[in-house]
PDB file of N, CA and C in Angstrom:
ATOM      1  N   UNK A   1      -6.206  86.033 -17.801  1.00  0.00           N
ATOM      2  CA  UNK A   1      -5.988  87.341 -18.371  1.00  0.00           C
ATOM      3  C   UNK A   1      -4.604  87.400 -19.003  1.00  0.00           C
ATOM      4  N   UNK A   2      -4.530  88.123 -20.062  1.00  0.00           N
ATOM      5  CA  UNK A   2      -3.283  88.221 -20.783  1.00  0.00           C
ATOM      6  C   UNK A   2      -2.281  89.105 -20.041  1.00  0.00           C
ATOM      7  N   UNK A   3      -1.066  88.617 -19.863  1.00  0.00           N
ATOM      8  CA  UNK A   3      -0.024  89.368 -19.193  1.00  0.00           C
ATOM      9  C   UNK A   3       0.140  89.029 -17.725  1.00  0.00           C
ATOM     10  N   UNK A   4      -0.747  88.195 -17.160  1.00  0.00           N
ATOM     11  CA  UNK A   4      -0.668  87.883 -15.739  1.00  0.00           C
ATOM     12  C   UNK A   4      -0.180  86.462 -15.455  1.00  0.00           C
ATOM     13  N   UNK A   5       0.071  85.673 -16.470  1.00  0.00           N
ATOM     14  CA  UNK A   5       0.565  84.316 -16.255  1.00  0.00           C
ATOM     15  C   UNK A   5       2.019  84.223 -16.721  1.00  0.00           C
ATOM     16  N   UNK A   6       2.674  83.158 -16.333  1.00  0.00           N
ATOM     17  CA  UNK A   6       4.075  82.968 -16.709  1.00  0.00           C
ATOM     18  C   UNK A   6       4.197  82.784 -18.216  1.00  0.00           C
ATOM     19  N   UNK A   7       3.258  82.088 -18.810  1.00  0.00           N
ATOM     20  CA  UNK A   7       3.302  81.860 -20.259  1.00  0.00           C
ATOM     21  C   UNK A   7       3.188  83.166 -21.037  1.00  0.00           C
ATOM     22  N   UNK A   8       2.293  84.041 -20.609  1.00  0.00           N
ATOM     23  CA  UNK A   8       2.136  85.300 -21.341  1.00  0.00           C
ATOM     24  C   UNK A   8       3.289  86.271 -21.055  1.00  0.00           C
ATOM     25  N   UNK A   9       3.922  86.150 -19.867  1.00  0.00           N
ATOM     26  CA  UNK A   9       5.091  86.989 -19.595  1.00  0.00           C
ATOM     27  C   UNK A   9       6.284  86.582 -20.461  1.00  0.00           C
ATOM     28  N   UNK A  10       6.350  85.316 -20.837  1.00  0.00           N
ATOM     29  CA  UNK A  10       7.407  84.881 -21.749  1.00  0.00           C
ATOM     30  C   UNK A  10       7.214  85.487 -23.138  1.00  0.00           C
ATOM     31  N   UNK A  11       5.977  85.732 -23.513  1.00  0.00           N
ATOM     32  CA  UNK A  11       5.700  86.357 -24.810  1.00  0.00           C
ATOM     33  C   UNK A  11       5.887  87.875 -24.747  1.00  0.00           C
ATOM     34  N   UNK A  12       5.478  88.492 -23.639  1.00  0.00           N
ATOM     35  CA  UNK A  12       5.553  89.939 -23.479  1.00  0.00           C
ATOM     36  C   UNK A  12       6.631  90.269 -22.447  1.00  0.00           C
ATOM     37  N   UNK A  13       7.882  90.251 -22.864  1.00  0.00           N
ATOM     38  CA  UNK A  13       9.000  90.439 -21.938  1.00  0.00           C
ATOM     39  C   UNK A  13       9.096  91.861 -21.405  1.00  0.00           C
ATOM     40  N   UNK A  14       8.443  92.806 -22.049  1.00  0.00           N
ATOM     41  CA  UNK A  14       8.494  94.192 -21.587  1.00  0.00           C
ATOM     42  C   UNK A  14       7.692  94.392 -20.304  1.00  0.00           C
ATOM     43  N   UNK A  15       6.825  93.451 -19.954  1.00  0.00           N
ATOM     44  CA  UNK A  15       6.041  93.569 -18.725  1.00  0.00           C
ATOM     45  C   UNK A  15       6.803  93.123 -17.480  1.00  0.00           C
ATOM     46  N   UNK A  16       7.887  92.399 -17.653  1.00  0.00           N
ATOM     47  CA  UNK A  16       8.639  91.881 -16.511  1.00  0.00           C
ATOM     48  C   UNK A  16       9.189  93.012 -15.636  1.00  0.00           C
ATOM     49  N   UNK A  17       9.840  94.072 -16.175  1.00  0.00           N
ATOM     50  CA  UNK A  17      10.303  95.163 -15.294  1.00  0.00           C
ATOM     51  C   UNK A  17       9.163  95.869 -14.571  1.00  0.00           C
ATOM     52  N   UNK A  18       8.002  95.941 -15.205  1.00  0.00           N
ATOM     53  CA  UNK A  18       6.848  96.556 -14.548  1.00  0.00           C
ATOM     54  C   UNK A  18       6.438  95.760 -13.318  1.00  0.00           C
ATOM     55  N   UNK A  19       6.374  94.441 -13.443  1.00  0.00           N
ATOM     56  CA  UNK A  19       6.006  93.599 -12.315  1.00  0.00           C
ATOM     57  C   UNK A  19       7.075  93.656 -11.212  1.00  0.00           C
ATOM     58  N   UNK A  20       8.338  93.743 -11.590  1.00  0.00           N
ATOM     59  CA  UNK A  20       9.417  93.824 -10.597  1.00  0.00           C
ATOM     60  C   UNK A  20       9.329  95.143  -9.839  1.00  0.00           C
ATOM     61  N   UNK A  21       9.132  96.252 -10.554  1.00  0.00           N
ATOM     62  CA  UNK A  21       9.051  97.563  -9.888  1.00  0.00           C
ATOM     63  C   UNK A  21       7.831  97.661  -8.978  1.00  0.00           C
ATOM     64  N   UNK A  22       6.706  97.157  -9.415  1.00  0.00           N
ATOM     65  CA  UNK A  22       5.501  97.185  -8.576  1.00  0.00           C
ATOM     66  C   UNK A  22       5.687  96.291  -7.354  1.00  0.00           C
ATOM     67  N   UNK A  23       6.307  95.134  -7.539  1.00  0.00           N
ATOM     68  CA  UNK A  23       6.567  94.242  -6.409  1.00  0.00           C
ATOM     69  C   UNK A  23       7.511  94.850  -5.392  1.00  0.00           C
ATOM     70  N   UNK A  24       8.576  95.513  -5.861  1.00  0.00           N
ATOM     71  CA  UNK A  24       9.506  96.169  -4.946  1.00  0.00           C
ATOM     72  C   UNK A  24       8.837  97.337  -4.224  1.00  0.00           C
ATOM     73  N   UNK A  25       7.999  98.080  -4.922  1.00  0.00           N
ATOM     74  CA  UNK A  25       7.277  99.180  -4.282  1.00  0.00           C
ATOM     75  C   UNK A  25       6.330  98.687  -3.204  1.00  0.00           C
ATOM     76  N   UNK A  26       5.627  97.608  -3.475  1.00  0.00           N
ATOM     77  CA  UNK A  26       4.720  97.029  -2.470  1.00  0.00           C
ATOM     78  C   UNK A  26       5.503  96.499  -1.268  1.00  0.00           C
ATOM     79  N   UNK A  27       6.636  95.863  -1.532  1.00  0.00           N
ATOM     80  CA  UNK A  27       7.456  95.346  -0.434  1.00  0.00           C
ATOM     81  C   UNK A  27       8.017  96.461   0.437  1.00  0.00           C
ATOM     82  N   UNK A  28       8.483  97.546  -0.193  1.00  0.00           N
ATOM     83  CA  UNK A  28       9.022  98.674   0.567  1.00  0.00           C
ATOM     84  C   UNK A  28       7.941  99.359   1.383  1.00  0.00           C
ATOM     85  N   UNK A  29       6.749  99.481   0.820  1.00  0.00           N
ATOM     86  CA  UNK A  29       5.667 100.118   1.578  1.00  0.00           C
ATOM     87  C   UNK A  29       5.232  99.246   2.758  1.00  0.00           C
ATOM     88  N   UNK A  30       5.214  97.947   2.596  1.00  0.00           N
ATOM     89  CA  UNK A  30       4.865  97.060   3.709  1.00  0.00           C
ATOM     90  C   UNK A  30       5.932  97.122   4.804  1.00  0.00           C
ATOM     91  N   UNK A  31       7.210  97.193   4.415  1.00  0.00           N
ATOM     92  CA  UNK A  31       8.283  97.334   5.398  1.00  0.00           C
ATOM     93  C   UNK A  31       8.116  98.619   6.200  1.00  0.00           C
ATOM     94  N   UNK A  32       7.805  99.722   5.530  1.00  0.00           N
ATOM     95  CA  UNK A  32       7.679 100.995   6.212  1.00  0.00           C
ATOM     96  C   UNK A  32       6.447 101.017   7.126  1.00  0.00           C
ATOM     97  N   UNK A  33       5.365 100.395   6.712  1.00  0.00           N
ATOM     98  CA  UNK A  33       4.166 100.325   7.559  1.00  0.00           C
ATOM     99  C   UNK A  33       4.452  99.496   8.806  1.00  0.00           C
ATOM    100  N   UNK A  34       5.154  98.377   8.649  1.00  0.00           N
ATOM    101  CA  UNK A  34       5.519  97.557   9.809  1.00  0.00           C
ATOM    102  C   UNK A  34       6.480  98.303  10.730  1.00  0.00           C
ATOM    103  N   UNK A  35       7.400  99.073  10.155  1.00  0.00           N
ATOM    104  CA  UNK A  35       8.318  99.865  10.975  1.00  0.00           C
ATOM    105  C   UNK A  35       7.558 100.920  11.766  1.00  0.00           C
ATOM    106  N   UNK A  36       6.611 101.586  11.137  1.00  0.00           N
ATOM    107  CA  UNK A  36       5.816 102.579  11.848  1.00  0.00           C
ATOM    108  C   UNK A  36       4.977 101.942  12.953  1.00  0.00           C
ATOM    109  N   UNK A  37       4.463 100.749  12.706  1.00  0.00           N
ATOM    110  CA  UNK A  37       3.619 100.090  13.702  1.00  0.00           C
ATOM    111  C   UNK A  37       4.418  99.602  14.902  1.00  0.00           C
ATOM    112  N   UNK A  38       5.712  99.307  14.707  1.00  0.00           N
ATOM    113  CA  UNK A  38       6.490  98.761  15.817  1.00  0.00           C
ATOM    114  C   UNK A  38       7.411  99.780  16.475  1.00  0.00           C
ATOM    115  N   UNK A  39       7.861 100.805  15.764  1.00  0.00           N
ATOM    116  CA  UNK A  39       8.852 101.744  16.299  1.00  0.00           C
ATOM    117  C   UNK A  39       8.290 103.109  16.650  1.00  0.00           C
ATOM    118  N   UNK A  40       7.120 103.445  16.210  1.00  0.00           N
ATOM    119  CA  UNK A  40       6.572 104.773  16.421  1.00  0.00           C
ATOM    120  C   UNK A  40       6.092 104.926  17.866  1.00  0.00           C
ATOM    121  N   UNK A  41       6.495 105.985  18.562  1.00  0.00           N
ATOM    122  CA  UNK A  41       6.034 106.159  19.944  1.00  0.00           C
ATOM    123  C   UNK A  41       4.558 106.559  20.029  1.00  0.00           C
ATOM    124  N   UNK A  42       3.958 106.934  18.935  1.00  0.00           N
ATOM    125  CA  UNK A  42       2.533 107.266  18.938  1.00  0.00           C
ATOM    126  C   UNK A  42       1.653 106.021  18.987  1.00  0.00           C
ATOM    127  N   UNK A  43       2.223 104.858  18.674  1.00  0.00           N
ATOM    128  CA  UNK A  43       1.470 103.599  18.662  1.00  0.00           C
ATOM    129  C   UNK A  43       1.833 102.813  19.910  1.00  0.00           C
ATOM    130  N   UNK A  44       0.840 102.459  20.689  1.00  0.00           N
ATOM    131  CA  UNK A  44       1.065 101.689  21.908  1.00  0.00           C
ATOM    132  C   UNK A  44       0.294 100.377  21.804  1.00  0.00           C
ATOM    133  N   UNK A  45       1.019  99.267  21.718  1.00  0.00           N
ATOM    134  CA  UNK A  45       0.373  97.963  21.582  1.00  0.00           C
ATOM    135  C   UNK A  45      -0.033  97.403  22.940  1.00  0.00           C
ATOM    136  N   UNK A  46       0.703  97.735  23.993  1.00  0.00           N
ATOM    137  CA  UNK A  46       0.421  97.189  25.312  1.00  0.00           C
ATOM    138  C   UNK A  46       0.426  98.341  26.322  1.00  0.00           C
ATOM    139  N   UNK A  47      -0.722  98.840  26.636  1.00  0.00           N
ATOM    140  CA  UNK A  47      -0.819  99.997  27.534  1.00  0.00           C
ATOM    141  C   UNK A  47      -0.691  99.611  29.001  1.00  0.00           C
ATOM    142  N   UNK A  48      -0.822  98.349  29.334  1.00  0.00           N
ATOM    143  CA  UNK A  48      -0.743  97.947  30.742  1.00  0.00           C
ATOM    144  C   UNK A  48       0.685  97.968  31.258  1.00  0.00           C
ATOM    145  N   UNK A  49       1.624  97.467  30.484  1.00  0.00           N
ATOM    146  CA  UNK A  49       3.011  97.410  30.957  1.00  0.00           C
ATOM    147  C   UNK A  49       3.752  98.714  30.715  1.00  0.00           C
ATOM    148  N   UNK A  50       3.355  99.479  29.707  1.00  0.00           N
ATOM    149  CA  UNK A  50       4.036 100.731  29.398  1.00  0.00           C
ATOM    150  C   UNK A  50       2.986 101.791  29.051  1.00  0.00           C
ATOM    151  N   UNK A  51       2.437 102.488  30.046  1.00  0.00           N
ATOM    152  CA  UNK A  51       1.359 103.437  29.762  1.00  0.00           C
ATOM    153  C   UNK A  51       1.821 104.698  29.044  1.00  0.00           C
ATOM    154  N   UNK A  52       3.111 105.022  29.115  1.00  0.00           N
ATOM    155  CA  UNK A  52       3.636 106.213  28.439  1.00  0.00           C
ATOM    156  C   UNK A  52       4.836 105.823  27.568  1.00  0.00           C
ATOM    157  N   UNK A  53       4.608 105.256  26.389  1.00  0.00           N
ATOM    158  CA  UNK A  53       5.727 104.776  25.555  1.00  0.00           C
ATOM    159  C   UNK A  53       6.577 105.892  24.978  1.00  0.00           C
ATOM    160  N   UNK A  54       6.054 107.120  24.923  1.00  0.00           N
ATOM    161  CA  UNK A  54       6.839 108.220  24.358  1.00  0.00           C
ATOM    162  C   UNK A  54       7.995 108.611  25.263  1.00  0.00           C
ATOM    163  N   UNK A  55       7.956 108.229  26.535  1.00  0.00           N
ATOM    164  CA  UNK A  55       9.058 108.540  27.440  1.00  0.00           C
ATOM    165  C   UNK A  55      10.327 107.754  27.101  1.00  0.00           C
ATOM    166  N   UNK A  56      10.184 106.624  26.411  1.00  0.00           N
ATOM    167  CA  UNK A  56      11.352 105.854  25.993  1.00  0.00           C
ATOM    168  C   UNK A  56      12.163 106.610  24.951  1.00  0.00           C
ATOM    169  N   UNK A  57      11.521 107.487  24.218  1.00  0.00           N
ATOM    170  CA  UNK A  57      12.188 108.218  23.143  1.00  0.00           C
ATOM    171  C   UNK A  57      12.684 109.589  23.584  1.00  0.00           C
ATOM    172  N   UNK A  58      12.814 109.810  24.841  1.00  0.00           N
ATOM    173  CA  UNK A  58      13.275 111.107  25.322  1.00  0.00           C
ATOM    174  C   UNK A  58      14.700 111.392  24.845  1.00  0.00           C
ATOM    175  N   UNK A  59      15.592 110.420  24.906  1.00  0.00           N
ATOM    176  CA  UNK A  59      16.985 110.612  24.474  1.00  0.00           C
ATOM    177  C   UNK A  59      17.396 109.633  23.387  1.00  0.00           C
ATOM    178  N   UNK A  60      16.451 109.154  22.634  1.00  0.00           N
ATOM    179  CA  UNK A  60      16.748 108.236  21.529  1.00  0.00           C
ATOM    180  C   UNK A  60      16.428 108.896  20.206  1.00  0.00           C
ATOM    181  N   UNK A  61      16.991 108.331  19.145  1.00  0.00           N
ATOM    182  CA  UNK A  61      16.740 108.865  17.812  1.00  0.00           C
ATOM    183  C   UNK A  61      15.376 108.409  17.327  1.00  0.00           C
ATOM    184  N   UNK A  62      14.563 109.367  16.947  1.00  0.00           N
ATOM    185  CA  UNK A  62      13.222 109.068  16.468  1.00  0.00           C
ATOM    186  C   UNK A  62      13.166 109.094  14.949  1.00  0.00           C
ATOM    187  N   UNK A  63      13.989 109.901  14.324  1.00  0.00           N
ATOM    188  CA  UNK A  63      13.981 110.013  12.870  1.00  0.00           C
ATOM    189  C   UNK A  63      14.529 108.739  12.242  1.00  0.00           C
ATOM    190  N   UNK A  64      14.107 108.490  11.005  1.00  0.00           N
ATOM    191  CA  UNK A  64      14.577 107.309  10.279  1.00  0.00           C
ATOM    192  C   UNK A  64      16.065 107.426   9.967  1.00  0.00           C
ATOM    193  N   UNK A  65      16.510 108.627   9.581  1.00  0.00           N
ATOM    194  CA  UNK A  65      17.913 108.850   9.252  1.00  0.00           C
ATOM    195  C   UNK A  65      18.275 110.287   9.582  1.00  0.00           C
ATOM    196  N   UNK A  66      19.307 110.479  10.358  1.00  0.00           N
ATOM    197  CA  UNK A  66      19.780 111.818  10.697  1.00  0.00           C
ATOM    198  C   UNK A  66      21.304 111.804  10.700  1.00  0.00           C
ATOM    199  N   UNK A  67      21.939 112.327   9.648  1.00  0.00           N
ATOM    200  CA  UNK A  67      23.404 112.244   9.570  1.00  0.00           C
ATOM    201  C   UNK A  67      24.127 113.241  10.459  1.00  0.00           C
ATOM    202  N   UNK A  68      23.461 114.285  10.946  1.00  0.00           N
ATOM    203  CA  UNK A  68      24.161 115.362  11.628  1.00  0.00           C
ATOM    204  C   UNK A  68      24.080 115.316  13.148  1.00  0.00           C
ATOM    205  N   UNK A  69      23.014 114.794  13.702  1.00  0.00           N
ATOM    206  CA  UNK A  69      22.776 114.889  15.141  1.00  0.00           C
ATOM    207  C   UNK A  69      22.838 113.509  15.784  1.00  0.00           C
ATOM    208  N   UNK A  70      23.570 113.414  16.897  1.00  0.00           N
ATOM    209  CA  UNK A  70      23.583 112.192  17.692  1.00  0.00           C
ATOM    210  C   UNK A  70      22.604 112.394  18.851  1.00  0.00           C
ATOM    211  N   UNK A  71      21.470 111.757  18.773  1.00  0.00           N
ATOM    212  CA  UNK A  71      20.405 111.984  19.743  1.00  0.00           C
ATOM    213  C   UNK A  71      20.686 111.378  21.113  1.00  0.00           C
ATOM    214  N   UNK A  72      21.664 110.489  21.207  1.00  0.00           N
ATOM    215  CA  UNK A  72      21.975 109.922  22.520  1.00  0.00           C
ATOM    216  C   UNK A  72      22.678 110.954  23.415  1.00  0.00           C
ATOM    217  N   UNK A  73      23.264 111.999  22.816  1.00  0.00           N
ATOM    218  CA  UNK A  73      23.955 113.029  23.592  1.00  0.00           C
ATOM    219  C   UNK A  73      23.132 114.303  23.734  1.00  0.00           C
ATOM    220  N   UNK A  74      22.023 114.391  23.046  1.00  0.00           N
ATOM    221  CA  UNK A  74      21.173 115.578  23.097  1.00  0.00           C
ATOM    222  C   UNK A  74      20.224 115.512  24.282  1.00  0.00           C
ATOM    223  N   UNK A  75      19.921 116.663  24.859  1.00  0.00           N
ATOM    224  CA  UNK A  75      18.950 116.743  25.934  1.00  0.00           C
ATOM    225  C   UNK A  75      17.597 117.101  25.340  1.00  0.00           C
ATOM    226  N   UNK A  76      16.569 116.405  25.756  1.00  0.00           N
ATOM    227  CA  UNK A  76      15.242 116.650  25.234  1.00  0.00           C
ATOM    228  C   UNK A  76      14.605 117.867  25.905  1.00  0.00           C
ATOM    229  N   UNK A  77      14.008 118.772  25.127  1.00  0.00           N
ATOM    230  CA  UNK A  77      13.360 119.932  25.733  1.00  0.00           C
ATOM    231  C   UNK A  77      11.942 119.624  26.247  1.00  0.00           C
ATOM    232  N   UNK A  78      11.482 118.393  26.069  1.00  0.00           N
ATOM    233  CA  UNK A  78      10.132 118.026  26.496  1.00  0.00           C
ATOM    234  C   UNK A  78      10.066 117.969  28.015  1.00  0.00           C
ATOM    235  N   UNK A  79       8.972 118.435  28.603  1.00  0.00           N
ATOM    236  CA  UNK A  79       8.853 118.383  30.069  1.00  0.00           C
ATOM    237  C   UNK A  79       8.597 116.964  30.560  1.00  0.00           C
ATOM    238  N   UNK A  80       9.044 116.670  31.770  1.00  0.00           N
ATOM    239  CA  UNK A  80       8.772 115.360  32.393  1.00  0.00           C
ATOM    240  C   UNK A  80       7.479 115.468  33.180  1.00  0.00           C
ATOM    241  N   UNK A  81       6.615 114.510  32.988  1.00  0.00           N
ATOM    242  CA  UNK A  81       5.313 114.522  33.675  1.00  0.00           C
ATOM    243  C   UNK A  81       5.317 113.524  34.804  1.00  0.00           C
TER     244      UNK A  81
END
């Protein structure tokens, strides 16, 4: 197909930024999906060793970025079960 090989990209140089932007977007989305799968307390990969993984996040930062609040010093209003 035209535009998908290295030879045709040398002829159509305007397609190179398109491929770079799409590649970076795919890479960023894969990074975020992997982060959600490994860091999210809603996802439990091993229920035998840790049946309540959300308890680990009682005094930890859950948000991706929070410039104003230090969650290590905040008290969680969630009840302990």
